[in-house]
């Protein structure tokens, strides 16, 4: 594989922007959950929305682990966005997808806890970050070498 060729085709493309979007989301969530776990638990995603605290009692270990997990994915996706090497991108996208789909499925089973507005915004955002890796993966894989 000619990685210089791959980088030339993808640098500045919507593929690279999609990777950056997928990287920024878990980096933001990861730093927040890891560095301020109780604050994350109480108000994520915004004050008054309380998507995490609605689902059960606070557990610092689990919230910090969730944050660390997101940081790891964010770093992997950011590396893929910078390096733009096909195999690294593919591994990063499949790894994120393997997390995002079960996370979405869990939240699909918890809709009774939330208002219509919170269900729509939560499931839409989770659906986007579960679907985007598949779209990006398709185009990265189909791209001519």
N, C-alpha and C. Protein backbone atom coordinates (compact mmCIF):
# COMPACT_ATOMS: atom_id res chain seq x y z
N UNK A 1 0.84 -1.17 0.00
CA UNK A 1 0.00 0.00 0.00
C UNK A 1 0.88 1.24 0.00
N UNK A 2 0.49 2.21 -0.77
CA UNK A 2 1.22 3.46 -0.84
C UNK A 2 0.52 4.48 0.05
N UNK A 3 1.02 4.64 1.27
CA UNK A 3 0.33 5.51 2.23
C UNK A 3 0.38 6.98 1.80
N UNK A 4 1.43 7.39 1.08
CA UNK A 4 1.49 8.76 0.58
C UNK A 4 0.33 9.03 -0.37
N UNK A 5 0.02 8.03 -1.19
CA UNK A 5 -1.11 8.14 -2.12
C UNK A 5 -2.41 8.27 -1.33
N UNK A 6 -2.58 7.43 -0.31
CA UNK A 6 -3.78 7.49 0.53
C UNK A 6 -3.90 8.87 1.18
N UNK A 7 -2.81 9.36 1.73
CA UNK A 7 -2.83 10.64 2.43
C UNK A 7 -3.20 11.77 1.47
N UNK A 8 -2.66 11.71 0.26
CA UNK A 8 -2.96 12.75 -0.74
C UNK A 8 -4.45 12.77 -1.06
N UNK A 9 -5.05 11.59 -1.22
CA UNK A 9 -6.47 11.51 -1.56
C UNK A 9 -7.37 11.96 -0.42
N UNK A 10 -6.94 11.74 0.82
CA UNK A 10 -7.82 11.97 1.96
C UNK A 10 -7.57 13.28 2.70
N UNK A 11 -6.40 13.87 2.55
CA UNK A 11 -6.09 15.08 3.32
C UNK A 11 -7.06 16.20 2.92
N UNK A 12 -7.73 16.76 3.92
CA UNK A 12 -8.69 17.83 3.67
C UNK A 12 -10.04 17.34 3.17
N UNK A 13 -10.20 16.04 3.03
CA UNK A 13 -11.46 15.49 2.52
C UNK A 13 -12.49 15.37 3.63
N UNK A 14 -13.71 15.07 3.24
CA UNK A 14 -14.77 14.87 4.24
C UNK A 14 -14.47 13.63 5.07
N UNK A 15 -13.65 12.70 4.55
CA UNK A 15 -13.25 11.53 5.35
C UNK A 15 -12.41 11.99 6.54
N UNK A 16 -11.47 12.88 6.27
CA UNK A 16 -10.64 13.39 7.37
C UNK A 16 -11.49 14.20 8.36
N UNK A 17 -12.40 15.00 7.86
CA UNK A 17 -13.27 15.78 8.74
C UNK A 17 -14.16 14.86 9.58
N UNK A 18 -14.65 13.78 8.97
CA UNK A 18 -15.46 12.81 9.71
C UNK A 18 -14.67 12.15 10.82
N UNK A 19 -13.41 11.83 10.53
CA UNK A 19 -12.54 11.24 11.56
C UNK A 19 -12.33 12.24 12.71
N UNK A 20 -12.12 13.50 12.36
CA UNK A 20 -11.94 14.51 13.41
C UNK A 20 -13.20 14.67 14.25
N UNK A 21 -14.36 14.64 13.61
CA UNK A 21 -15.62 14.72 14.37
C UNK A 21 -15.72 13.54 15.34
N UNK A 22 -15.43 12.34 14.83
CA UNK A 22 -15.50 11.16 15.69
C UNK A 22 -14.44 11.20 16.79
N UNK A 23 -13.33 11.88 16.58
CA UNK A 23 -12.28 11.98 17.60
C UNK A 23 -12.64 13.00 18.67
N UNK A 24 -13.18 14.13 18.26
CA UNK A 24 -13.46 15.22 19.21
C UNK A 24 -14.54 14.82 20.21
N UNK A 25 -15.55 14.11 19.76
CA UNK A 25 -16.65 13.71 20.66
C UNK A 25 -16.13 12.88 21.84
N UNK A 26 -15.43 11.76 21.61
CA UNK A 26 -14.96 10.99 22.77
C UNK A 26 -13.85 11.69 23.56
N UNK A 27 -13.05 12.54 22.90
CA UNK A 27 -12.04 13.28 23.66
C UNK A 27 -12.71 14.24 24.64
N UNK A 28 -13.71 14.97 24.19
CA UNK A 28 -14.43 15.89 25.06
C UNK A 28 -15.11 15.14 26.20
N UNK A 29 -15.88 14.11 25.86
CA UNK A 29 -16.58 13.32 26.88
C UNK A 29 -15.58 12.64 27.81
N UNK A 30 -14.51 12.11 27.23
CA UNK A 30 -13.51 11.40 28.02
C UNK A 30 -12.82 12.27 29.05
N UNK A 31 -12.37 13.45 28.62
CA UNK A 31 -11.73 14.36 29.57
C UNK A 31 -12.70 14.76 30.68
N UNK A 32 -13.91 15.07 30.30
CA UNK A 32 -14.91 15.50 31.28
C UNK A 32 -15.20 14.38 32.29
N UNK A 33 -15.50 13.19 31.80
CA UNK A 33 -15.86 12.08 32.70
C UNK A 33 -14.68 11.64 33.56
N UNK A 34 -13.47 11.68 33.00
CA UNK A 34 -12.31 11.23 33.77
C UNK A 34 -11.88 12.26 34.81
N UNK A 35 -11.86 13.54 34.42
CA UNK A 35 -11.35 14.57 35.32
C UNK A 35 -12.38 15.10 36.31
N UNK A 36 -13.65 15.04 35.96
CA UNK A 36 -14.71 15.54 36.85
C UNK A 36 -15.88 14.55 36.83
N UNK A 37 -15.65 13.35 37.36
CA UNK A 37 -16.66 12.29 37.22
C UNK A 37 -18.02 12.61 37.83
N UNK A 38 -18.04 13.23 39.00
CA UNK A 38 -19.34 13.52 39.60
C UNK A 38 -20.08 14.61 38.83
N UNK A 39 -19.36 15.61 38.39
CA UNK A 39 -19.95 16.68 37.57
C UNK A 39 -20.53 16.07 36.29
N UNK A 40 -19.78 15.21 35.63
CA UNK A 40 -20.26 14.53 34.42
C UNK A 40 -21.53 13.73 34.74
N UNK A 41 -21.49 12.97 35.81
CA UNK A 41 -22.63 12.15 36.22
C UNK A 41 -23.88 13.01 36.45
N UNK A 42 -23.70 14.13 37.11
CA UNK A 42 -24.84 14.98 37.49
C UNK A 42 -25.47 15.73 36.33
N UNK A 43 -24.66 16.25 35.37
CA UNK A 43 -25.25 17.17 34.40
C UNK A 43 -25.08 16.79 32.93
N UNK A 44 -24.40 15.71 32.61
CA UNK A 44 -24.21 15.39 31.18
C UNK A 44 -25.56 15.20 30.51
N UNK A 45 -25.79 15.74 29.33
CA UNK A 45 -24.90 16.51 28.47
C UNK A 45 -24.93 18.01 28.74
N UNK A 46 -26.00 18.49 29.39
CA UNK A 46 -26.16 19.91 29.73
C UNK A 46 -26.90 20.01 31.06
N UNK A 47 -26.74 21.12 31.76
CA UNK A 47 -27.50 21.28 33.00
C UNK A 47 -29.01 21.10 32.74
N UNK A 48 -29.63 20.31 33.58
CA UNK A 48 -31.06 20.06 33.46
C UNK A 48 -31.42 18.85 32.60
N UNK A 49 -30.47 18.29 31.89
CA UNK A 49 -30.75 17.14 31.03
C UNK A 49 -30.49 15.83 31.78
N UNK A 50 -29.40 15.70 32.48
CA UNK A 50 -29.10 14.58 33.40
C UNK A 50 -29.26 13.19 32.78
N UNK A 51 -28.64 12.94 31.67
CA UNK A 51 -28.78 11.65 31.00
C UNK A 51 -28.12 10.51 31.76
N UNK A 52 -27.08 10.78 32.51
CA UNK A 52 -26.37 9.71 33.22
C UNK A 52 -27.01 9.45 34.59
N UNK A 53 -27.22 10.50 35.36
CA UNK A 53 -27.73 10.31 36.73
C UNK A 53 -29.15 9.73 36.74
N UNK A 54 -29.88 9.90 35.67
CA UNK A 54 -31.23 9.34 35.57
C UNK A 54 -31.20 7.81 35.58
N UNK A 55 -30.08 7.23 35.16
CA UNK A 55 -30.02 5.77 34.97
C UNK A 55 -29.51 4.98 36.16
N UNK A 56 -29.17 5.61 37.25
CA UNK A 56 -28.74 4.82 38.40
C UNK A 56 -27.80 5.59 39.31
N UNK A 57 -27.39 4.95 40.41
CA UNK A 57 -26.54 5.62 41.40
C UNK A 57 -25.14 5.90 40.87
N UNK A 58 -24.52 6.90 41.46
CA UNK A 58 -23.17 7.31 41.09
C UNK A 58 -22.16 6.24 41.46
N UNK A 59 -21.21 5.98 40.55
CA UNK A 59 -20.11 5.07 40.80
C UNK A 59 -18.87 5.70 40.16
N UNK A 60 -18.01 6.27 40.99
CA UNK A 60 -16.85 7.00 40.49
C UNK A 60 -15.98 6.12 39.59
N UNK A 61 -15.76 4.88 39.99
CA UNK A 61 -14.93 3.98 39.21
C UNK A 61 -15.49 3.81 37.79
N UNK A 62 -16.77 3.55 37.68
CA UNK A 62 -17.36 3.33 36.36
C UNK A 62 -17.34 4.60 35.51
N UNK A 63 -17.60 5.75 36.11
CA UNK A 63 -17.59 6.99 35.33
C UNK A 63 -16.18 7.30 34.86
N UNK A 64 -15.18 7.14 35.74
CA UNK A 64 -13.80 7.40 35.31
C UNK A 64 -13.35 6.39 34.25
N UNK A 65 -13.74 5.12 34.40
CA UNK A 65 -13.41 4.13 33.37
C UNK A 65 -14.06 4.48 32.04
N UNK A 66 -15.30 4.94 32.07
CA UNK A 66 -15.98 5.36 30.85
C UNK A 66 -15.21 6.52 30.21
N UNK A 67 -14.76 7.45 31.04
CA UNK A 67 -13.97 8.57 30.54
C UNK A 67 -12.66 8.11 29.92
N UNK A 68 -11.96 7.21 30.60
CA UNK A 68 -10.69 6.69 30.07
C UNK A 68 -10.91 5.93 28.77
N UNK A 69 -11.98 5.16 28.70
CA UNK A 69 -12.32 4.43 27.49
C UNK A 69 -12.53 5.41 26.33
N UNK A 70 -13.27 6.47 26.57
CA UNK A 70 -13.49 7.48 25.54
C UNK A 70 -12.20 8.17 25.14
N UNK A 71 -11.34 8.46 26.10
CA UNK A 71 -10.05 9.06 25.77
C UNK A 71 -9.24 8.17 24.84
N UNK A 72 -9.24 6.87 25.13
CA UNK A 72 -8.51 5.94 24.26
C UNK A 72 -9.04 5.94 22.84
N UNK A 73 -10.36 5.91 22.69
CA UNK A 73 -10.95 5.96 21.35
C UNK A 73 -10.66 7.29 20.67
N UNK A 74 -10.73 8.37 21.43
CA UNK A 74 -10.45 9.68 20.86
C UNK A 74 -9.04 9.80 20.33
N UNK A 75 -8.08 9.28 21.09
CA UNK A 75 -6.68 9.29 20.65
C UNK A 75 -6.51 8.45 19.38
N UNK A 76 -7.10 7.27 19.35
CA UNK A 76 -7.01 6.40 18.18
C UNK A 76 -7.61 7.07 16.95
N UNK A 77 -8.78 7.67 17.09
CA UNK A 77 -9.44 8.33 15.96
C UNK A 77 -8.67 9.58 15.52
N UNK A 78 -8.10 10.32 16.47
CA UNK A 78 -7.29 11.49 16.11
C UNK A 78 -6.03 11.05 15.37
N UNK A 79 -5.41 9.96 15.80
CA UNK A 79 -4.23 9.45 15.10
C UNK A 79 -4.60 9.06 13.67
N UNK A 80 -5.75 8.44 13.49
CA UNK A 80 -6.20 8.08 12.14
C UNK A 80 -6.42 9.32 11.29
N UNK A 81 -6.96 10.39 11.88
CA UNK A 81 -7.20 11.63 11.15
C UNK A 81 -5.90 12.33 10.76
N UNK A 82 -4.87 12.19 11.58
CA UNK A 82 -3.58 12.82 11.29
C UNK A 82 -2.77 11.99 10.30
N UNK A 83 -2.68 10.69 10.55
CA UNK A 83 -1.83 9.82 9.73
C UNK A 83 -2.45 9.50 8.37
N UNK A 84 -3.77 9.38 8.33
CA UNK A 84 -4.50 9.09 7.09
C UNK A 84 -3.96 7.87 6.35
N UNK A 85 -3.67 6.83 7.09
CA UNK A 85 -3.27 5.57 6.49
C UNK A 85 -4.46 4.63 6.54
N UNK A 86 -4.77 4.06 5.40
CA UNK A 86 -5.98 3.27 5.23
C UNK A 86 -6.19 2.23 6.34
N UNK A 87 -5.18 1.44 6.65
CA UNK A 87 -5.35 0.38 7.65
C UNK A 87 -5.58 0.94 9.05
N UNK A 88 -4.91 2.01 9.38
CA UNK A 88 -5.12 2.63 10.70
C UNK A 88 -6.54 3.20 10.78
N UNK A 89 -6.98 3.84 9.71
CA UNK A 89 -8.35 4.37 9.67
C UNK A 89 -9.35 3.24 9.84
N UNK A 90 -9.14 2.15 9.13
CA UNK A 90 -10.07 1.02 9.20
C UNK A 90 -10.13 0.44 10.62
N UNK A 91 -8.98 0.25 11.24
CA UNK A 91 -8.96 -0.28 12.61
C UNK A 91 -9.65 0.69 13.57
N UNK A 92 -9.37 1.98 13.44
CA UNK A 92 -9.98 2.98 14.32
C UNK A 92 -11.50 2.99 14.16
N UNK A 93 -11.98 2.95 12.93
CA UNK A 93 -13.42 3.00 12.68
C UNK A 93 -14.13 1.74 13.16
N UNK A 94 -13.54 0.58 12.91
CA UNK A 94 -14.16 -0.67 13.38
C UNK A 94 -14.16 -0.71 14.90
N UNK A 95 -13.08 -0.25 15.53
CA UNK A 95 -13.02 -0.23 17.00
C UNK A 95 -14.09 0.68 17.58
N UNK A 96 -14.22 1.87 17.02
CA UNK A 96 -15.24 2.80 17.52
C UNK A 96 -16.63 2.22 17.30
N UNK A 97 -16.88 1.63 16.13
CA UNK A 97 -18.17 1.03 15.82
C UNK A 97 -18.51 -0.07 16.82
N UNK A 98 -17.49 -0.87 17.20
CA UNK A 98 -17.71 -1.96 18.16
C UNK A 98 -18.13 -1.44 19.53
N UNK A 99 -17.78 -0.22 19.84
CA UNK A 99 -18.24 0.42 21.08
C UNK A 99 -19.58 1.13 20.88
N UNK A 100 -19.70 1.87 19.80
CA UNK A 100 -20.86 2.75 19.59
C UNK A 100 -22.17 1.99 19.42
N UNK A 101 -22.14 0.86 18.74
CA UNK A 101 -23.39 0.12 18.51
C UNK A 101 -23.95 -0.48 19.80
N UNK A 102 -23.17 -1.20 20.61
CA UNK A 102 -23.72 -1.68 21.88
C UNK A 102 -24.17 -0.53 22.79
N UNK A 103 -23.45 0.58 22.76
CA UNK A 103 -23.85 1.74 23.56
C UNK A 103 -25.21 2.26 23.09
N UNK A 104 -25.40 2.37 21.79
CA UNK A 104 -26.69 2.78 21.24
C UNK A 104 -27.79 1.78 21.60
N UNK A 105 -27.51 0.50 21.47
CA UNK A 105 -28.51 -0.53 21.79
C UNK A 105 -28.95 -0.42 23.25
N UNK A 106 -27.99 -0.22 24.15
CA UNK A 106 -28.35 -0.04 25.56
C UNK A 106 -29.33 1.11 25.72
N UNK A 107 -29.00 2.24 25.11
CA UNK A 107 -29.86 3.42 25.28
C UNK A 107 -31.22 3.24 24.60
N UNK A 108 -31.29 2.44 23.58
CA UNK A 108 -32.59 2.14 22.96
C UNK A 108 -33.50 1.38 23.92
N UNK A 109 -32.91 0.68 24.88
CA UNK A 109 -33.72 -0.07 25.86
C UNK A 109 -34.08 0.77 27.08
N UNK A 110 -33.60 2.00 27.14
CA UNK A 110 -33.81 2.84 28.33
C UNK A 110 -34.66 4.07 28.05
N UNK A 111 -35.43 4.05 26.99
CA UNK A 111 -36.18 5.25 26.59
C UNK A 111 -37.26 5.65 27.60
N UNK A 112 -37.73 4.73 28.39
CA UNK A 112 -38.79 5.03 29.36
C UNK A 112 -38.34 5.99 30.46
N UNK A 113 -37.03 6.19 30.59
CA UNK A 113 -36.50 7.09 31.62
C UNK A 113 -36.52 8.56 31.21
N UNK A 114 -36.72 8.83 29.92
CA UNK A 114 -36.46 10.17 29.41
C UNK A 114 -37.67 10.78 28.71
N UNK A 115 -37.65 12.11 28.62
CA UNK A 115 -38.68 12.83 27.88
C UNK A 115 -38.50 12.58 26.39
N UNK A 116 -39.51 12.94 25.61
CA UNK A 116 -39.42 12.79 24.16
C UNK A 116 -38.23 13.58 23.61
N UNK A 117 -38.05 14.81 24.08
CA UNK A 117 -36.92 15.63 23.63
C UNK A 117 -35.59 14.95 23.92
N UNK A 118 -35.42 14.46 25.14
CA UNK A 118 -34.17 13.79 25.50
C UNK A 118 -33.97 12.50 24.71
N UNK A 119 -35.03 11.75 24.49
CA UNK A 119 -34.91 10.53 23.68
C UNK A 119 -34.48 10.86 22.26
N UNK A 120 -35.10 11.86 21.66
CA UNK A 120 -34.76 12.21 20.27
C UNK A 120 -33.33 12.70 20.18
N UNK A 121 -32.92 13.60 21.08
CA UNK A 121 -31.56 14.14 21.00
C UNK A 121 -30.52 13.08 21.36
N UNK A 122 -30.80 12.28 22.37
CA UNK A 122 -29.85 11.25 22.78
C UNK A 122 -29.68 10.18 21.70
N UNK A 123 -30.78 9.65 21.22
CA UNK A 123 -30.70 8.56 20.24
C UNK A 123 -30.21 9.06 18.89
N UNK A 124 -30.51 10.29 18.53
CA UNK A 124 -29.99 10.85 17.28
C UNK A 124 -28.48 11.01 17.34
N UNK A 125 -27.99 11.56 18.45
CA UNK A 125 -26.54 11.75 18.56
C UNK A 125 -25.81 10.41 18.64
N UNK A 126 -26.36 9.46 19.38
CA UNK A 126 -25.74 8.14 19.46
C UNK A 126 -25.83 7.41 18.12
N UNK A 127 -26.94 7.58 17.42
CA UNK A 127 -27.09 6.97 16.10
C UNK A 127 -26.09 7.54 15.10
N UNK A 128 -25.86 8.84 15.15
CA UNK A 128 -24.90 9.48 14.25
C UNK A 128 -23.50 8.92 14.46
N UNK A 129 -23.07 8.83 15.72
CA UNK A 129 -21.70 8.35 15.97
C UNK A 129 -21.58 6.84 15.80
N UNK A 130 -22.70 6.13 15.66
CA UNK A 130 -22.66 4.70 15.33
C UNK A 130 -22.70 4.48 13.82
N UNK A 131 -23.40 5.35 13.10
CA UNK A 131 -23.53 5.21 11.65
C UNK A 131 -22.34 5.80 10.89
N UNK A 132 -21.83 6.93 11.34
CA UNK A 132 -20.74 7.61 10.63
C UNK A 132 -19.53 6.71 10.40
N UNK A 133 -19.10 5.89 11.35
CA UNK A 133 -17.94 5.03 11.08
C UNK A 133 -18.18 4.06 9.92
N UNK A 134 -19.40 3.58 9.77
CA UNK A 134 -19.70 2.64 8.68
C UNK A 134 -19.64 3.36 7.35
N UNK A 135 -20.18 4.57 7.29
CA UNK A 135 -20.13 5.35 6.05
C UNK A 135 -18.68 5.64 5.69
N UNK A 136 -17.90 6.12 6.66
CA UNK A 136 -16.49 6.42 6.40
C UNK A 136 -15.73 5.17 6.01
N UNK A 137 -15.98 4.08 6.70
CA UNK A 137 -15.30 2.82 6.41
C UNK A 137 -15.58 2.36 4.98
N UNK A 138 -16.81 2.49 4.55
CA UNK A 138 -17.18 2.10 3.19
C UNK A 138 -16.36 2.89 2.18
N UNK A 139 -16.30 4.21 2.32
CA UNK A 139 -15.60 5.03 1.34
C UNK A 139 -14.08 4.88 1.43
N UNK A 140 -13.55 4.71 2.62
CA UNK A 140 -12.10 4.48 2.76
C UNK A 140 -11.72 3.15 2.12
N UNK A 141 -12.52 2.13 2.35
CA UNK A 141 -12.23 0.79 1.82
C UNK A 141 -12.40 0.75 0.30
N UNK A 142 -13.38 1.47 -0.22
CA UNK A 142 -13.64 1.44 -1.66
C UNK A 142 -12.73 2.38 -2.45
N UNK A 143 -12.03 3.26 -1.77
CA UNK A 143 -11.16 4.22 -2.44
C UNK A 143 -10.08 3.49 -3.22
N UNK A 144 -9.82 3.96 -4.44
CA UNK A 144 -8.79 3.33 -5.27
C UNK A 144 -7.44 3.46 -4.60
N UNK A 145 -6.65 2.42 -4.78
CA UNK A 145 -5.31 2.43 -4.18
C UNK A 145 -4.32 2.99 -5.14
